[in-house]
Amino acid sequence: MPEASFLSELPIWLIVPLVAGIVFATRALGPVLMAKSAFSPRVTRFLDGLAISVIVAMVATALAKAGLREAASVALAATVMLTTRSVFWAMIAGIALAAGWSYFLPG
């Protein structure tokens, strides 16, 4: 059996703020550190999408380990986000589906 990595042994309440801090630091310090560098539009688009790609990777990893309830919740949240362009309503829809599923279909 493979050994657990360092991050897999940390509790989730520690991992979430750690990742949030890293994302915030890269978003806040990136422009300051790169202010004197000129990038092509292609590189600029890549750098702009980097933070969201980290979040997508975290969600995809969680979905790979999760079940149908989580997959359905993320799919609903993504659909609501694409149709309404509102992060707030997308999160509410995903949370409501997951909570309703747990309440009405326990087990």
C-alpha atoms as a PDB file:
ATOM      1  CA  MET A   1       0.000   0.000   0.000  1.00  0.00           C
ATOM      2  CA  PRO A   2       1.451   3.421  -0.908  1.00  0.00           C
ATOM      3  CA  GLU A   3       2.368   5.755   1.896  1.00  0.00           C
ATOM      4  CA  ALA A   4       0.098   8.708   2.594  1.00  0.00           C
ATOM      5  CA  SER A   5       1.388  12.085   1.514  1.00  0.00           C
ATOM      6  CA  PHE A   6       1.955  14.939   3.937  1.00  0.00           C
ATOM      7  CA  LEU A   7      -1.200  16.783   2.818  1.00  0.00           C
ATOM      8  CA  SER A   8      -3.453  13.734   3.128  1.00  0.00           C
ATOM      9  CA  GLU A   9      -2.674  13.534   6.836  1.00  0.00           C
ATOM     10  CA  LEU A  10      -3.650  17.167   7.542  1.00  0.00           C
ATOM     11  CA  PRO A  11      -7.199  17.871   8.731  1.00  0.00           C
ATOM     12  CA  ILE A  12      -9.500  19.605   6.247  1.00  0.00           C
ATOM     13  CA  TRP A  13      -9.988  22.620   8.538  1.00  0.00           C
ATOM     14  CA  LEU A  14      -6.275  23.294   8.120  1.00  0.00           C
ATOM     15  CA  ILE A  15      -6.005  22.530   4.403  1.00  0.00           C
ATOM     16  CA  VAL A  16      -8.808  24.883   3.289  1.00  0.00           C
ATOM     17  CA  PRO A  17      -7.345  28.060   4.882  1.00  0.00           C
ATOM     18  CA  LEU A  18      -3.864  27.019   3.730  1.00  0.00           C
ATOM     19  CA  VAL A  19      -4.979  26.745   0.099  1.00  0.00           C
ATOM     20  CA  ALA A  20      -7.043  29.939   0.405  1.00  0.00           C
ATOM     21  CA  GLY A  21      -3.986  31.767   1.744  1.00  0.00           C
ATOM     22  CA  ILE A  22      -1.807  30.488  -1.086  1.00  0.00           C
ATOM     23  CA  VAL A  23      -4.375  31.530  -3.697  1.00  0.00           C
ATOM     24  CA  PHE A  24      -4.776  34.946  -2.059  1.00  0.00           C
ATOM     25  CA  ALA A  25      -0.997  35.439  -1.888  1.00  0.00           C
ATOM     26  CA  THR A  26      -0.524  34.574  -5.546  1.00  0.00           C
ATOM     27  CA  ARG A  27      -3.394  36.858  -6.570  1.00  0.00           C
ATOM     28  CA  ALA A  28      -2.254  39.741  -4.349  1.00  0.00           C
ATOM     29  CA  LEU A  29       1.503  39.510  -4.816  1.00  0.00           C
ATOM     30  CA  GLY A  30       1.519  38.428  -8.454  1.00  0.00           C
ATOM     31  CA  PRO A  31       0.823  41.872  -9.919  1.00  0.00           C
ATOM     32  CA  VAL A  32       3.314  43.481  -7.561  1.00  0.00           C
ATOM     33  CA  LEU A  33       6.092  41.057  -8.459  1.00  0.00           C
ATOM     34  CA  MET A  34       5.328  41.083 -12.186  1.00  0.00           C
ATOM     35  CA  ALA A  35       4.674  44.829 -12.584  1.00  0.00           C
ATOM     36  CA  LYS A  36       7.931  45.422 -14.443  1.00  0.00           C
ATOM     37  CA  SER A  37       7.552  42.447 -16.783  1.00  0.00           C
ATOM     38  CA  ALA A  38       5.734  42.642 -20.089  1.00  0.00           C
ATOM     39  CA  PHE A  39       3.802  39.555 -21.157  1.00  0.00           C
ATOM     40  CA  SER A  40       2.029  38.603 -24.321  1.00  0.00           C
ATOM     41  CA  PRO A  41      -1.782  38.462 -24.230  1.00  0.00           C
ATOM     42  CA  ARG A  42      -1.569  34.668 -24.349  1.00  0.00           C
ATOM     43  CA  VAL A  43       0.621  34.492 -21.225  1.00  0.00           C
ATOM     44  CA  THR A  44      -1.601  37.047 -19.485  1.00  0.00           C
ATOM     45  CA  ARG A  45      -4.710  34.905 -20.129  1.00  0.00           C
ATOM     46  CA  PHE A  46      -2.860  31.859 -18.808  1.00  0.00           C
ATOM     47  CA  LEU A  47      -1.868  33.648 -15.609  1.00  0.00           C
ATOM     48  CA  ASP A  48      -5.407  34.977 -15.125  1.00  0.00           C
ATOM     49  CA  GLY A  49      -6.823  31.467 -15.359  1.00  0.00           C
ATOM     50  CA  LEU A  50      -4.256  29.834 -13.111  1.00  0.00           C
ATOM     51  CA  ALA A  51      -6.034  30.397  -9.786  1.00  0.00           C
ATOM     52  CA  ILE A  52      -9.347  29.066 -11.050  1.00  0.00           C
ATOM     53  CA  SER A  53      -7.617  26.019 -12.495  1.00  0.00           C
ATOM     54  CA  VAL A  54      -6.296  25.183  -9.031  1.00  0.00           C
ATOM     55  CA  ILE A  55      -9.833  25.359  -7.634  1.00  0.00           C
ATOM     56  CA  VAL A  56     -11.132  23.185 -10.491  1.00  0.00           C
ATOM     57  CA  ALA A  57      -8.405  20.633  -9.781  1.00  0.00           C
ATOM     58  CA  MET A  58      -9.406  20.519  -6.116  1.00  0.00           C
ATOM     59  CA  VAL A  59     -13.090  20.017  -7.004  1.00  0.00           C
ATOM     60  CA  ALA A  60     -12.222  17.324  -9.563  1.00  0.00           C
ATOM     61  CA  THR A  61     -10.100  15.491  -6.994  1.00  0.00           C
ATOM     62  CA  ALA A  62     -12.910  15.647  -4.448  1.00  0.00           C
ATOM     63  CA  LEU A  63     -15.404  14.395  -7.053  1.00  0.00           C
ATOM     64  CA  ALA A  64     -13.170  11.473  -7.935  1.00  0.00           C
ATOM     65  CA  LYS A  65     -13.347  10.333  -4.318  1.00  0.00           C
ATOM     66  CA  ALA A  66     -17.017  11.267  -3.772  1.00  0.00           C
ATOM     67  CA  GLY A  67     -20.286   9.756  -4.839  1.00  0.00           C
ATOM     68  CA  LEU A  68     -23.279  10.528  -7.004  1.00  0.00           C
ATOM     69  CA  ARG A  69     -24.682  13.148  -4.581  1.00  0.00           C
ATOM     70  CA  GLU A  70     -21.588  15.331  -4.853  1.00  0.00           C
ATOM     71  CA  ALA A  71     -21.366  14.905  -8.624  1.00  0.00           C
ATOM     72  CA  ALA A  72     -25.014  15.898  -9.044  1.00  0.00           C
ATOM     73  CA  SER A  73     -24.533  18.917  -6.759  1.00  0.00           C
ATOM     74  CA  VAL A  74     -21.511  20.153  -8.700  1.00  0.00           C
ATOM     75  CA  ALA A  75     -23.291  19.558 -12.013  1.00  0.00           C
ATOM     76  CA  LEU A  76     -26.313  21.558 -10.828  1.00  0.00           C
ATOM     77  CA  ALA A  77     -24.097  24.352  -9.501  1.00  0.00           C
ATOM     78  CA  ALA A  78     -22.220  24.512 -12.810  1.00  0.00           C
ATOM     79  CA  THR A  79     -25.480  24.609 -14.764  1.00  0.00           C
ATOM     80  CA  VAL A  80     -26.882  27.396 -12.587  1.00  0.00           C
ATOM     81  CA  MET A  81     -23.603  29.312 -12.897  1.00  0.00           C
ATOM     82  CA  LEU A  82     -23.633  29.057 -16.683  1.00  0.00           C
ATOM     83  CA  THR A  83     -27.262  30.129 -16.982  1.00  0.00           C
ATOM     84  CA  THR A  84     -27.442  32.891 -14.350  1.00  0.00           C
ATOM     85  CA  ARG A  85     -23.794  34.043 -14.170  1.00  0.00           C
ATOM     86  CA  SER A  86     -24.272  34.230 -10.392  1.00  0.00           C
ATOM     87  CA  VAL A  87     -21.827  32.463  -8.090  1.00  0.00           C
ATOM     88  CA  PHE A  88     -24.189  33.059  -5.185  1.00  0.00           C
ATOM     89  CA  TRP A  89     -27.144  31.238  -6.753  1.00  0.00           C
ATOM     90  CA  ALA A  90     -24.906  28.484  -8.095  1.00  0.00           C
ATOM     91  CA  MET A  91     -23.566  27.765  -4.612  1.00  0.00           C
ATOM     92  CA  ILE A  92     -27.064  27.932  -3.090  1.00  0.00           C
ATOM     93  CA  ALA A  93     -28.368  25.452  -5.684  1.00  0.00           C
ATOM     94  CA  GLY A  94     -25.490  23.014  -5.160  1.00  0.00           C
ATOM     95  CA  ILE A  95     -25.733  23.171  -1.382  1.00  0.00           C
ATOM     96  CA  ALA A  96     -29.523  22.820  -1.463  1.00  0.00           C
ATOM     97  CA  LEU A  97     -29.322  19.732  -3.666  1.00  0.00           C
ATOM     98  CA  ALA A  98     -26.684  18.095  -1.464  1.00  0.00           C
ATOM     99  CA  ALA A  99     -28.595  18.927   1.732  1.00  0.00           C
ATOM    100  CA  GLY A 100     -31.921  17.779   0.269  1.00  0.00           C
ATOM    101  CA  TRP A 101     -30.379  14.567  -1.002  1.00  0.00           C
ATOM    102  CA  SER A 102     -28.912  13.855   2.443  1.00  0.00           C
ATOM    103  CA  TYR A 103     -32.200  14.682   4.181  1.00  0.00           C
ATOM    104  CA  PHE A 104     -34.598  12.821   1.887  1.00  0.00           C
ATOM    105  CA  LEU A 105     -32.326   9.979   0.767  1.00  0.00           C
ATOM    106  CA  PRO A 106     -30.138   9.183   3.798  1.00  0.00           C
ATOM    107  CA  GLY A 107     -27.673   6.416   3.758  1.00  0.00           C
END
